[in-house]
């Protein structure tokens, strides 16, 4: 069955979503490179899909 898992995380200083993307865009992640994507009316930070049913999103 499909579902959504939500994990909250904290940073040492407050960031907007665009500032967070600028801070992490050049870093290496095991999930792959990050991108700043528009989804509907909102922007999200996304990683490449893990498979057909799973993808990591960072939302503001």
C-alpha atoms as a PDB file:
ATOM      1  CA  UNK A   1       0.000   0.000   0.000  1.00  0.00           C
ATOM      2  CA  UNK A   2       1.233   3.479  -0.785  1.00  0.00           C
ATOM      3  CA  UNK A   3       1.637   6.090   1.920  1.00  0.00           C
ATOM      4  CA  UNK A   4       3.441   9.198   2.961  1.00  0.00           C
ATOM      5  CA  UNK A   5       6.083   9.313   5.675  1.00  0.00           C
ATOM      6  CA  UNK A   6       6.793  12.711   7.172  1.00  0.00           C
ATOM      7  CA  UNK A   7      10.036  13.391   8.991  1.00  0.00           C
ATOM      8  CA  UNK A   8      10.784  16.779  10.561  1.00  0.00           C
ATOM      9  CA  UNK A   9      14.318  18.073  10.923  1.00  0.00           C
ATOM     10  CA  UNK A  10      15.872  21.174  12.427  1.00  0.00           C
ATOM     11  CA  UNK A  11      18.763  23.307  11.249  1.00  0.00           C
ATOM     12  CA  UNK A  12      21.132  25.370  13.371  1.00  0.00           C
ATOM     13  CA  UNK A  13      19.886  28.582  11.765  1.00  0.00           C
ATOM     14  CA  UNK A  14      16.572  29.409  10.093  1.00  0.00           C
ATOM     15  CA  UNK A  15      16.433  29.041   6.298  1.00  0.00           C
ATOM     16  CA  UNK A  16      13.848  29.749   3.653  1.00  0.00           C
ATOM     17  CA  UNK A  17      13.427  26.878   1.203  1.00  0.00           C
ATOM     18  CA  UNK A  18      15.414  28.742  -1.470  1.00  0.00           C
ATOM     19  CA  UNK A  19      18.237  29.492   1.008  1.00  0.00           C
ATOM     20  CA  UNK A  20      18.342  25.845   2.096  1.00  0.00           C
ATOM     21  CA  UNK A  21      18.592  24.753  -1.543  1.00  0.00           C
ATOM     22  CA  UNK A  22      21.466  27.195  -2.128  1.00  0.00           C
ATOM     23  CA  UNK A  23      23.232  25.805   0.950  1.00  0.00           C
ATOM     24  CA  UNK A  24      22.937  22.133  -0.087  1.00  0.00           C
ATOM     25  CA  UNK A  25      22.915  22.184  -3.906  1.00  0.00           C
ATOM     26  CA  UNK A  26      26.648  21.435  -4.252  1.00  0.00           C
ATOM     27  CA  UNK A  27      26.759  18.699  -1.573  1.00  0.00           C
ATOM     28  CA  UNK A  28      26.939  14.969  -2.331  1.00  0.00           C
ATOM     29  CA  UNK A  29      23.988  12.835  -1.121  1.00  0.00           C
ATOM     30  CA  UNK A  30      23.486   9.085  -1.372  1.00  0.00           C
ATOM     31  CA  UNK A  31      20.010   9.760  -2.799  1.00  0.00           C
ATOM     32  CA  UNK A  32      21.560  11.809  -5.639  1.00  0.00           C
ATOM     33  CA  UNK A  33      21.710  15.486  -6.599  1.00  0.00           C
ATOM     34  CA  UNK A  34      19.048  17.888  -5.313  1.00  0.00           C
ATOM     35  CA  UNK A  35      16.833  20.087  -7.482  1.00  0.00           C
ATOM     36  CA  UNK A  36      14.488  23.006  -6.788  1.00  0.00           C
ATOM     37  CA  UNK A  37      11.155  22.066  -8.344  1.00  0.00           C
ATOM     38  CA  UNK A  38       7.732  23.683  -8.681  1.00  0.00           C
ATOM     39  CA  UNK A  39       4.903  21.358  -7.630  1.00  0.00           C
ATOM     40  CA  UNK A  40       1.496  22.934  -8.113  1.00  0.00           C
ATOM     41  CA  UNK A  41       1.631  26.316  -6.387  1.00  0.00           C
ATOM     42  CA  UNK A  42       4.554  25.448  -4.116  1.00  0.00           C
ATOM     43  CA  UNK A  43       8.270  24.962  -4.588  1.00  0.00           C
ATOM     44  CA  UNK A  44       9.986  21.896  -3.116  1.00  0.00           C
ATOM     45  CA  UNK A  45      13.509  20.511  -2.938  1.00  0.00           C
ATOM     46  CA  UNK A  46      13.527  17.067  -4.523  1.00  0.00           C
ATOM     47  CA  UNK A  47      15.951  14.212  -4.939  1.00  0.00           C
ATOM     48  CA  UNK A  48      15.849  11.766  -7.883  1.00  0.00           C
ATOM     49  CA  UNK A  49      13.165   9.055  -7.499  1.00  0.00           C
ATOM     50  CA  UNK A  50      14.411   5.995  -5.621  1.00  0.00           C
ATOM     51  CA  UNK A  51      12.025   3.813  -7.633  1.00  0.00           C
ATOM     52  CA  UNK A  52       8.606   4.217  -9.277  1.00  0.00           C
ATOM     53  CA  UNK A  53       6.851   4.780  -5.946  1.00  0.00           C
ATOM     54  CA  UNK A  54       9.361   6.619  -3.725  1.00  0.00           C
ATOM     55  CA  UNK A  55      10.911  10.072  -3.866  1.00  0.00           C
ATOM     56  CA  UNK A  56      12.319  12.388  -1.194  1.00  0.00           C
ATOM     57  CA  UNK A  57      10.848  15.902  -1.003  1.00  0.00           C
ATOM     58  CA  UNK A  58      11.809  18.736   1.330  1.00  0.00           C
ATOM     59  CA  UNK A  59       8.900  21.124   1.787  1.00  0.00           C
ATOM     60  CA  UNK A  60       8.783  24.484   3.576  1.00  0.00           C
END
